[in-house]
Amino acid sequence: MRFGNTLQTSVYPPWKDHYIDYRALKKLLREHEGSEDGDDGESRPWTDEDEENFVQELINVQLDKVNSFQVETHKRLRELTAECEATLEPVATQQGETKLENVKKNEAVAQETLSKLDRITEELGELEKFSRINFTGFLKAAKKHDRKRGAKYKVRPLLQVRMSQLPFNSEDYSPLLYRLSAMFSFVRSILGTEGQPMPKDGPAVDTQTGRETYTSHKFWVHADNLLEVKTYILRRLPVLVYNPNTSKELDVAQRDPSLTSLYFDNRSFDLYNQKVANKPAAGSLRLRWTGHLSDQVEVYLEKKIMNDGDSSREIRIRLKKKHINAFLNGSYKMEKVIHKIEIQGNGDPQRADNLKRDVEEIQEFIKSHGLEPMVRANYTHTAFQIPGDDRLRISLDTDLALIREDTLDFERPCREPEDWHRSDIDSRRMEFPFSEIPRGEISRFPHALLEIKIRNTSGKRRGKQY
């Protein structure tokens, strides 16, 4: 489909006058005249005045028009969000109110606010689509000019410099999404549609050790649909990100964190091949942390075993960075940690035994398969989950980069063989898109990854809210 038709079908009717006038730009290019490469058969030659008129229309008229609407609309949505926050503030101070009259009043306010929040998220989604289709339109127009009229002047470099100076198509919607998410969650709690946290005897969200089974469903999400998927989910589950300072707490309304997963395999890639072949009890092992490794981050070693269907069993151990090499070669067995747990007790005599068994299982898994770090996955992680309740987790991972960590080439290893990770990445605090990494050592995945994980509850049927 030609872009003009694509633009026409993508227009959001209430905003139709604010889109790029692609037809006017084509008319200024006199595209209908002559051949693709320029002059033959044209009624008159392309002049400096023609060039000036086109550039003026493209950059000083169309781009300014689109950018101004983008900025004004985003500002308006932020103001509407602030109004909703102000409306809900008195309700928040009355939480726990038992008088029927006040309860009904708060529910009415919550219901009205919910409708406003729905409209804001819908418009935010339309605004993202507006930005994307117009951005494409400007690049298409510049490309068309440079191909047909660019013998003397190239307009695309000028356009890109100008667009880089504007917020157009570079707006970060995350802060606004977090505010909307918090209000959606609060309104659901007032209306009684928010799921309840697990009882205290349920497992923590991210404990030091864990032996849980999950059913997982995974999808690829095209970049064009990313914001739409995010807003659809946050209407139903709050946005949560892990607090890097503690594994037991989740923080609302932070920026999406960068996560790193360092996957292990042997030189025959047995674990990878078993996973691809969907063999029974296929296993995987990874080290995982949030943020930059050079900071004071917690590192987890996680083993996953696939069961029948889409369910899996997970084991998780928290390790200090200084102990990782020794743990991987089997010389460190967490004796002091296990002894400390035995002394403290904490009302759970099985906890120390479970940790000891997990350590033995993972170290035997490493030894029997000859495992070593092979590939690093770095991605921006958005989590959706009711705080304190891990029965249902939804995650959306973007900006995914896969980076070699192997030592397959003895003469030019990607990682120092005696270390467990690439120090060049971590000491220099590299971030996506990892431009410093050689092309042959990195692959950037073009889509987002959506995962829905449902924790199995020992034969109990899943709640209706899932």
Protein backbone atom coordinates (compact mmCIF):
# COMPACT_ATOMS: atom_id res chain seq x y z
CA MET A 1 0.00 0.00 0.00
CA ARG A 2 1.29 3.47 -0.88
CA PHE A 3 2.04 5.67 2.12
CA GLY A 4 -0.60 8.24 1.17
CA ASN A 5 -3.28 5.56 1.52
CA THR A 6 -1.72 4.26 4.75
CA LEU A 7 -1.79 7.77 6.21
CA GLN A 8 -5.40 8.27 5.19
CA THR A 9 -6.55 5.07 6.90
CA SER A 10 -4.52 5.88 10.04
CA VAL A 11 -6.04 9.30 10.72
CA TYR A 12 -7.84 9.71 14.05
CA PRO A 13 -10.88 11.77 12.90
CA PRO A 14 -10.94 14.33 15.75
CA TRP A 15 -7.32 15.23 14.93
CA LYS A 16 -7.53 15.09 11.13
CA ASP A 17 -6.40 18.70 10.61
CA HIS A 18 -3.17 18.22 12.56
CA TYR A 19 -1.53 15.48 10.51
CA ILE A 20 1.21 16.02 7.95
CA ASP A 21 -0.26 17.23 4.64
CA TYR A 22 1.50 14.63 2.56
CA ARG A 23 -0.47 15.46 -0.56
CA ALA A 24 0.61 19.12 -0.44
CA LEU A 25 4.26 18.09 -0.14
CA LYS A 26 3.93 15.76 -3.13
CA LYS A 27 2.34 18.59 -5.10
CA LEU A 28 5.24 20.92 -4.29
CA LEU A 29 7.63 18.22 -5.52
CA ARG A 30 5.65 18.12 -8.79
CA GLU A 31 5.87 14.37 -8.50
CA HIS A 32 3.45 13.80 -11.36
CA GLU A 33 5.86 15.48 -13.76
CA GLY A 34 8.72 13.71 -15.52
CA SER A 35 10.55 10.53 -14.62
CA GLU A 36 11.68 9.28 -11.26
CA ASP A 37 15.22 10.61 -11.59
CA GLY A 38 14.39 14.11 -12.51
CA ASP A 39 14.29 16.36 -15.52
CA ASP A 40 13.13 14.55 -18.67
CA GLY A 41 9.67 15.57 -19.78
CA GLU A 42 9.08 18.18 -17.05
CA SER A 43 7.19 21.32 -17.98
CA ARG A 44 9.83 23.47 -16.25
CA PRO A 45 13.09 22.81 -14.40
CA TRP A 46 13.39 22.52 -10.62
CA THR A 47 14.64 25.87 -9.31
CA ASP A 48 16.11 27.20 -6.08
CA GLU A 49 12.76 28.84 -5.41
CA ASP A 50 11.04 25.45 -5.73
CA GLU A 51 13.57 24.02 -3.32
CA GLU A 52 13.02 26.80 -0.81
CA ASN A 53 9.23 26.44 -1.01
CA PHE A 54 9.42 22.70 -0.36
CA VAL A 55 11.82 22.99 2.58
CA GLN A 56 9.75 25.83 4.06
CA GLU A 57 6.57 23.75 3.84
CA LEU A 58 8.18 20.56 5.14
CA ILE A 59 10.11 21.93 8.12
CA ASN A 60 8.65 25.31 9.04
CA VAL A 61 4.99 24.57 8.34
CA GLN A 62 4.22 20.85 8.51
CA LEU A 63 6.77 19.81 11.13
CA ASP A 64 5.94 22.77 13.38
CA LYS A 65 2.22 22.03 13.04
CA VAL A 66 2.56 18.37 13.96
CA ASN A 67 5.05 19.02 16.77
CA SER A 68 2.91 21.78 18.31
CA PHE A 69 -0.13 19.53 18.41
CA GLN A 70 1.92 16.69 19.87
CA VAL A 71 3.28 18.91 22.66
CA GLU A 72 -0.08 20.53 23.42
CA THR A 73 -1.93 17.22 23.53
CA HIS A 74 0.63 15.57 25.79
CA LYS A 75 0.47 18.59 28.11
CA ARG A 76 -3.34 18.41 28.15
CA LEU A 77 -3.29 14.70 29.03
CA ARG A 78 -0.87 15.38 31.88
CA GLU A 79 -3.16 18.11 33.17
CA LEU A 80 -6.20 15.80 32.97
CA THR A 81 -4.21 13.18 34.86
CA ALA A 82 -3.38 15.73 37.57
CA GLU A 83 -7.08 16.61 37.83
CA CYS A 84 -7.93 12.94 38.38
CA GLU A 85 -5.26 12.73 41.08
CA ALA A 86 -6.73 15.78 42.80
CA THR A 87 -10.22 14.25 42.61
CA LEU A 88 -9.07 11.01 44.20
CA GLU A 89 -6.98 12.64 46.95
CA PRO A 90 -9.96 13.25 49.31
CA VAL A 91 -11.11 9.68 48.72
CA ALA A 92 -7.68 8.37 49.68
CA THR A 93 -7.85 10.19 53.02
CA GLN A 94 -11.17 8.46 53.75
CA GLN A 95 -9.96 4.90 53.14
CA GLY A 96 -11.42 2.60 55.73
CA GLU A 97 -14.59 4.70 55.93
CA THR A 98 -17.53 2.50 56.98
CA LYS A 99 -20.48 4.87 56.75
CA LEU A 100 -22.66 3.68 53.91
CA GLU A 101 -23.28 7.24 52.66
CA ASN A 102 -19.57 7.98 52.36
CA VAL A 103 -18.81 4.60 50.84
CA LYS A 104 -21.40 5.18 48.12
CA LYS A 105 -20.05 8.67 47.50
CA ASN A 106 -16.50 7.39 47.15
CA GLU A 107 -17.62 4.65 44.79
CA ALA A 108 -19.39 7.22 42.60
CA VAL A 109 -16.25 9.38 42.48
CA ALA A 110 -14.14 6.30 41.66
CA GLN A 111 -16.50 5.23 38.87
CA GLU A 112 -16.50 8.70 37.31
CA THR A 113 -12.70 8.88 37.57
CA LEU A 114 -12.38 5.46 36.00
CA SER A 115 -14.23 6.71 32.92
CA LYS A 116 -11.89 9.70 32.71
CA LEU A 117 -8.83 7.47 33.07
CA ASP A 118 -10.11 5.28 30.25
CA ARG A 119 -10.44 8.30 27.98
CA ILE A 120 -6.95 9.52 28.89
CA THR A 121 -5.34 6.16 28.14
CA GLU A 122 -7.26 5.90 24.86
CA GLU A 123 -6.07 9.35 23.80
CA LEU A 124 -2.53 8.54 24.89
CA GLY A 125 -2.61 5.51 22.61
CA GLU A 126 -3.91 7.62 19.75
CA LEU A 127 -1.19 10.20 20.41
CA GLU A 128 1.52 7.56 20.12
CA LYS A 129 0.02 6.39 16.81
CA PHE A 130 -0.20 10.02 15.68
CA SER A 131 3.50 10.52 16.41
CA ARG A 132 4.53 7.32 14.67
CA ILE A 133 2.59 7.82 11.42
CA ASN A 134 3.65 11.46 11.11
CA PHE A 135 7.27 10.63 11.82
CA THR A 136 7.12 8.09 9.02
CA GLY A 137 5.47 10.67 6.77
CA PHE A 138 8.27 13.20 7.22
CA LEU A 139 10.93 10.60 6.47
CA LYS A 140 9.00 9.43 3.40
CA ALA A 141 8.65 12.99 2.11
CA ALA A 142 12.36 13.69 2.62
CA LYS A 143 13.31 10.43 0.91
CA LYS A 144 11.03 11.23 -2.02
CA HIS A 145 12.60 14.68 -2.35
CA ASP A 146 16.18 13.41 -2.21
CA ARG A 147 15.46 10.73 -4.79
CA LYS A 148 13.62 12.98 -7.23
CA ARG A 149 15.02 16.48 -6.57
CA GLY A 150 18.19 15.82 -4.62
CA ALA A 151 20.75 16.39 -7.35
CA LYS A 152 21.91 19.63 -5.68
CA TYR A 153 20.34 19.52 -2.19
CA LYS A 154 19.61 16.71 0.31
CA VAL A 155 16.85 17.59 2.74
CA ARG A 156 16.86 14.49 4.95
CA PRO A 157 19.95 15.47 7.02
CA LEU A 158 18.39 18.89 7.72
CA LEU A 159 15.08 17.28 8.66
CA GLN A 160 16.73 14.80 11.04
CA VAL A 161 18.67 17.56 12.80
CA ARG A 162 15.48 19.58 13.23
CA MET A 163 13.46 16.61 14.51
CA SER A 164 16.19 15.75 17.01
CA GLN A 165 15.67 19.20 18.55
CA LEU A 166 11.95 18.65 19.07
CA PRO A 167 10.08 16.40 21.52
CA PHE A 168 8.06 15.08 18.60
CA ASN A 169 8.38 11.28 18.40
CA SER A 170 10.75 11.23 21.38
CA GLU A 171 8.25 11.75 24.20
CA ASP A 172 8.69 9.38 27.13
CA TYR A 173 5.21 8.27 28.14
CA SER A 174 6.41 6.08 31.02
CA PRO A 175 5.98 8.65 33.85
CA LEU A 176 2.42 9.36 32.75
CA LEU A 177 1.67 5.65 32.41
CA TYR A 178 2.87 5.02 35.96
CA ARG A 179 0.59 7.74 37.33
CA LEU A 180 -2.36 6.31 35.41
CA SER A 181 -1.51 2.82 36.61
CA ALA A 182 -1.48 3.90 40.27
CA MET A 183 -4.89 5.52 39.87
CA PHE A 184 -6.36 2.54 38.03
CA SER A 185 -5.21 0.32 40.89
CA PHE A 186 -6.63 2.67 43.54
CA VAL A 187 -9.98 2.99 41.73
CA ARG A 188 -10.23 -0.78 41.36
CA SER A 189 -9.66 -1.17 45.09
CA ILE A 190 -12.49 1.31 45.83
CA LEU A 191 -14.85 -0.47 43.43
CA GLY A 192 -13.86 -3.91 44.73
CA THR A 193 -12.41 -5.12 41.42
CA GLU A 194 -8.76 -5.18 42.51
CA GLY A 195 -7.36 -8.62 43.28
CA GLN A 196 -6.36 -9.25 46.88
CA PRO A 197 -2.77 -9.99 47.97
CA MET A 198 -1.79 -13.50 48.92
CA PRO A 199 -2.25 -14.56 52.54
CA LYS A 200 0.81 -14.21 54.74
CA ASP A 201 1.59 -17.91 54.48
CA GLY A 202 1.98 -17.54 50.71
CA PRO A 203 5.43 -17.13 49.20
CA ALA A 204 7.05 -13.73 48.83
CA VAL A 205 7.25 -12.15 45.40
CA ASP A 206 10.96 -12.74 45.04
CA THR A 207 12.48 -14.70 47.89
CA GLN A 208 16.07 -15.75 48.35
CA THR A 209 15.23 -19.30 47.43
CA GLY A 210 12.16 -20.62 45.68
CA ARG A 211 10.69 -23.81 44.29
CA GLU A 212 7.59 -22.71 42.43
CA THR A 213 5.82 -24.00 39.34
CA TYR A 214 4.29 -21.69 36.75
CA THR A 215 2.30 -21.92 33.56
CA SER A 216 3.74 -19.49 31.03
CA HIS A 217 2.36 -17.97 27.83
CA LYS A 218 4.70 -15.91 25.62
CA PHE A 219 4.06 -13.58 22.69
CA TRP A 220 5.97 -11.23 20.41
CA VAL A 221 4.68 -7.66 20.32
CA HIS A 222 5.40 -5.39 17.36
CA ALA A 223 6.85 -2.02 18.30
CA ASP A 224 3.85 -0.29 16.69
CA ASN A 225 1.52 -1.98 19.19
CA LEU A 226 3.64 -1.58 22.30
CA LEU A 227 1.89 1.34 23.99
CA GLU A 228 -1.53 -0.08 23.16
CA VAL A 229 -0.62 -3.35 24.89
CA LYS A 230 0.81 -1.50 27.90
CA THR A 231 -2.30 0.62 28.41
CA TYR A 232 -4.57 -2.41 27.97
CA ILE A 233 -2.75 -4.27 30.74
CA LEU A 234 -2.35 -1.39 33.19
CA ARG A 235 -6.12 -0.90 33.20
CA ARG A 236 -6.27 -4.31 34.85
CA LEU A 237 -2.97 -4.70 36.72
CA PRO A 238 -0.69 -2.06 38.27
CA VAL A 239 2.72 -1.36 36.78
CA LEU A 240 5.43 -2.61 39.10
CA VAL A 241 9.20 -2.70 38.93
CA TYR A 242 11.62 -4.41 41.25
CA ASN A 243 13.31 -2.23 43.82
CA PRO A 244 17.04 -2.84 43.26
CA ASN A 245 17.72 -2.42 46.98
CA THR A 246 15.64 -5.36 48.10
CA SER A 247 14.24 -8.45 46.48
CA LYS A 248 11.19 -8.54 48.73
CA GLU A 249 9.67 -5.22 47.84
CA LEU A 250 8.13 -3.88 44.69
CA ASP A 251 8.00 -0.19 43.95
CA VAL A 252 5.28 1.58 42.03
CA ALA A 253 5.95 4.42 39.60
CA GLN A 254 9.66 4.05 39.02
CA ARG A 255 11.21 4.06 35.58
CA ASP A 256 11.36 0.76 33.77
CA PRO A 257 14.60 -0.92 34.88
CA SER A 258 17.19 -2.59 32.69
CA LEU A 259 17.57 -6.29 33.44
CA THR A 260 20.40 -8.63 32.50
CA SER A 261 20.11 -12.40 32.20
CA LEU A 262 23.34 -14.33 31.68
CA TYR A 263 22.50 -17.76 30.23
CA PHE A 264 24.64 -20.87 30.65
CA ASP A 265 25.23 -23.75 28.26
CA ASN A 266 28.02 -26.08 27.22
CA ARG A 267 30.06 -25.99 24.03
CA SER A 268 27.61 -28.34 22.32
CA PHE A 269 24.66 -26.12 23.30
CA ASP A 270 22.82 -29.08 24.80
CA LEU A 271 20.46 -26.98 26.94
CA TYR A 272 19.51 -24.80 23.98
CA ASN A 273 18.88 -27.78 21.71
CA GLN A 274 16.78 -29.54 24.35
CA LYS A 275 14.67 -26.42 24.78
CA VAL A 276 14.18 -25.98 21.03
CA ALA A 277 13.25 -29.66 20.66
CA ASN A 278 10.82 -29.28 23.57
CA LYS A 279 12.28 -32.34 25.27
CA PRO A 280 10.85 -33.45 28.64
CA ALA A 281 12.55 -31.88 31.67
CA ALA A 282 14.57 -29.48 29.50
CA GLY A 283 16.52 -27.23 31.84
CA SER A 284 18.05 -23.76 31.76
CA LEU A 285 20.35 -21.81 34.05
CA ARG A 286 20.95 -18.09 34.25
CA LEU A 287 22.36 -15.33 36.42
CA ARG A 288 20.06 -12.33 36.66
CA TRP A 289 20.40 -8.80 38.02
CA THR A 290 18.75 -5.41 37.71
CA GLY A 291 20.62 -2.26 36.68
CA HIS A 292 24.39 -1.95 36.39
CA LEU A 293 26.50 -4.72 37.88
CA SER A 294 29.02 -2.14 39.09
CA ASP A 295 26.35 -0.83 41.48
CA GLN A 296 25.29 -2.60 44.68
CA VAL A 297 22.89 -4.97 42.96
CA GLU A 298 21.62 -8.37 44.01
CA VAL A 299 22.47 -11.26 41.70
CA TYR A 300 20.28 -14.36 41.43
CA LEU A 301 21.16 -17.76 40.05
CA GLU A 302 18.04 -19.36 38.64
CA LYS A 303 17.44 -22.85 37.36
CA LYS A 304 14.28 -23.67 35.44
CA ILE A 305 13.01 -27.13 34.52
CA MET A 306 10.18 -27.46 32.02
CA ASN A 307 7.33 -29.79 32.92
CA ASP A 308 4.59 -31.14 30.70
CA GLY A 309 2.75 -28.50 28.70
CA ASP A 310 3.68 -24.88 29.44
CA SER A 311 4.40 -25.28 33.17
CA SER A 312 7.84 -25.08 34.74
CA ARG A 313 9.61 -25.47 38.09
CA GLU A 314 12.04 -22.80 39.26
CA ILE A 315 14.86 -22.73 41.81
CA ARG A 316 16.35 -19.37 42.78
CA ILE A 317 19.41 -18.58 44.91
CA ARG A 318 20.74 -15.14 45.80
CA LEU A 319 24.53 -14.78 45.54
CA LYS A 320 27.04 -12.07 46.31
CA LYS A 321 29.14 -11.07 43.31
CA LYS A 322 32.37 -12.03 45.05
CA HIS A 323 31.14 -15.61 45.56
CA ILE A 324 29.86 -16.33 42.04
CA ASN A 325 33.08 -17.75 40.55
CA ALA A 326 33.57 -20.02 43.57
CA PHE A 327 29.95 -21.17 43.48
CA LEU A 328 30.16 -22.02 39.79
CA ASN A 329 33.29 -24.15 40.23
CA GLY A 330 31.77 -25.88 43.27
CA SER A 331 34.18 -24.63 45.94
CA TYR A 332 31.61 -22.38 47.62
CA LYS A 333 28.52 -24.13 48.99
CA MET A 334 26.99 -21.29 51.03
CA GLU A 335 27.82 -23.03 54.33
CA LYS A 336 27.78 -19.80 56.37
CA VAL A 337 24.44 -18.73 54.93
CA ILE A 338 22.91 -22.14 55.61
CA HIS A 339 24.32 -22.20 59.17
CA LYS A 340 22.95 -18.71 59.85
CA ILE A 341 19.50 -19.82 58.71
CA GLU A 342 19.69 -22.88 60.96
CA ILE A 343 20.52 -20.68 63.97
CA GLN A 344 17.88 -18.06 63.28
CA GLY A 345 15.17 -20.54 62.36
CA ASN A 346 12.53 -17.91 61.61
CA GLY A 347 9.88 -20.49 62.34
CA ASP A 348 10.73 -22.56 59.26
CA PRO A 349 13.04 -25.51 60.05
CA GLN A 350 12.90 -26.68 56.43
CA ARG A 351 14.31 -23.47 54.99
CA ALA A 352 17.97 -24.36 55.60
CA ASP A 353 17.46 -27.89 54.24
CA ASN A 354 15.74 -26.50 51.15
CA LEU A 355 18.59 -24.08 50.48
CA LYS A 356 21.20 -26.80 50.95
CA ARG A 357 19.30 -29.05 48.54
CA ASP A 358 18.99 -26.22 45.99
CA VAL A 359 22.74 -25.52 46.15
CA GLU A 360 23.56 -29.18 45.61
CA GLU A 361 21.08 -29.51 42.74
CA ILE A 362 22.35 -26.45 40.86
CA GLN A 363 26.04 -27.27 41.33
CA GLU A 364 25.47 -30.83 40.16
CA PHE A 365 23.56 -29.46 37.17
CA ILE A 366 26.53 -27.22 36.27
CA LYS A 367 29.08 -30.01 36.72
CA SER A 368 27.19 -32.76 34.90
CA HIS A 369 26.47 -30.60 31.85
CA GLY A 370 29.77 -28.68 31.78
CA LEU A 371 27.98 -25.34 31.87
CA GLU A 372 29.54 -21.90 31.47
CA PRO A 373 28.20 -18.42 30.58
CA MET A 374 27.35 -18.28 26.87
CA VAL A 375 25.04 -15.38 26.06
CA ARG A 376 23.81 -12.24 27.79
CA ALA A 377 20.28 -10.93 27.31
CA ASN A 378 19.80 -7.27 28.27
CA TYR A 379 16.35 -5.72 28.13
CA THR A 380 14.10 -3.03 29.60
CA HIS A 381 11.58 -4.68 31.86
CA THR A 382 8.03 -3.55 32.62
CA ALA A 383 6.22 -5.68 35.20
CA PHE A 384 2.49 -5.80 35.94
CA GLN A 385 1.46 -7.42 39.21
CA ILE A 386 -0.60 -6.90 42.33
CA PRO A 387 1.88 -6.05 45.12
CA GLY A 388 2.61 -9.03 47.33
CA ASP A 389 0.71 -11.44 45.08
CA ASP A 390 2.70 -13.42 42.49
CA ARG A 391 -0.14 -15.70 41.39
CA LEU A 392 -0.32 -13.70 38.17
CA ARG A 393 2.63 -11.89 36.63
CA ILE A 394 2.75 -10.13 33.29
CA SER A 395 6.02 -8.78 31.95
CA LEU A 396 6.83 -6.78 28.84
CA ASP A 397 10.47 -6.69 27.77
CA THR A 398 11.73 -4.17 25.21
CA ASP A 399 15.09 -3.05 23.79
CA LEU A 400 16.28 -6.65 23.87
CA ALA A 401 19.92 -7.25 22.95
CA LEU A 402 21.61 -10.66 22.87
CA ILE A 403 25.37 -10.45 23.42
CA ARG A 404 27.96 -13.21 23.22
CA GLU A 405 29.66 -14.14 26.51
CA ASP A 406 31.33 -17.36 25.35
CA THR A 407 34.97 -18.42 25.16
CA LEU A 408 34.52 -20.71 22.15
CA ASP A 409 37.35 -18.97 20.29
CA PHE A 410 40.38 -19.62 22.51
CA GLU A 411 42.43 -16.95 20.74
CA ARG A 412 39.74 -14.26 20.85
CA PRO A 413 37.30 -15.08 23.68
CA CYS A 414 34.37 -12.73 24.22
CA ARG A 415 34.83 -13.11 27.97
CA GLU A 416 37.95 -13.70 30.06
CA PRO A 417 37.86 -17.50 30.65
CA GLU A 418 38.59 -17.16 34.38
CA ASP A 419 35.73 -14.70 34.96
CA TRP A 420 31.98 -15.28 34.88
CA HIS A 421 30.97 -12.14 32.94
CA ARG A 422 32.23 -9.62 30.38
CA SER A 423 34.01 -6.90 32.30
CA ASP A 424 34.10 -4.58 29.27
CA ILE A 425 30.31 -4.23 29.36
CA ASP A 426 29.89 -4.00 33.12
CA SER A 427 32.86 -1.84 34.09
CA ARG A 428 32.03 0.69 31.35
CA ARG A 429 28.31 0.61 32.24
CA MET A 430 27.24 0.07 28.64
CA GLU A 431 23.57 0.42 27.78
CA PHE A 432 21.27 -0.32 24.87
CA PRO A 433 21.91 -0.17 21.92
CA PHE A 434 25.47 -1.20 22.98
CA SER A 435 27.08 0.59 20.05
CA GLU A 436 30.57 -0.28 21.34
CA ILE A 437 30.01 -4.04 20.92
CA PRO A 438 31.37 -5.50 17.62
CA ARG A 439 28.62 -6.35 15.15
CA GLY A 440 29.41 -10.06 15.19
CA GLU A 441 28.91 -10.27 18.97
CA ILE A 442 25.45 -8.74 19.30
CA SER A 443 21.95 -9.19 17.93
CA ARG A 444 19.18 -6.67 18.65
CA PHE A 445 15.71 -8.22 18.69
CA PRO A 446 13.21 -5.97 16.84
CA HIS A 447 10.10 -6.86 18.87
CA ALA A 448 8.98 -6.77 22.49
CA LEU A 449 8.40 -9.95 24.49
CA LEU A 450 5.17 -10.37 26.45
CA GLU A 451 4.99 -13.12 29.06
CA ILE A 452 2.00 -14.11 31.18
CA LYS A 453 2.95 -16.33 34.13
CA ILE A 454 0.33 -18.02 36.31
CA ARG A 455 1.58 -19.69 39.47
CA ASN A 456 0.21 -23.17 40.00
CA THR A 457 -1.47 -23.52 43.38
CA SER A 458 -1.25 -27.18 44.36
CA GLY A 459 -4.35 -28.36 42.60
CA LYS A 460 -6.47 -25.35 43.50
CA ARG A 461 -8.45 -23.81 40.69
CA ARG A 462 -7.33 -20.39 39.57
CA GLY A 463 -9.43 -17.47 40.68
CA LYS A 464 -11.92 -15.87 38.31
CA GLN A 465 -9.88 -12.68 38.18
CA TYR A 466 -7.28 -14.57 36.12
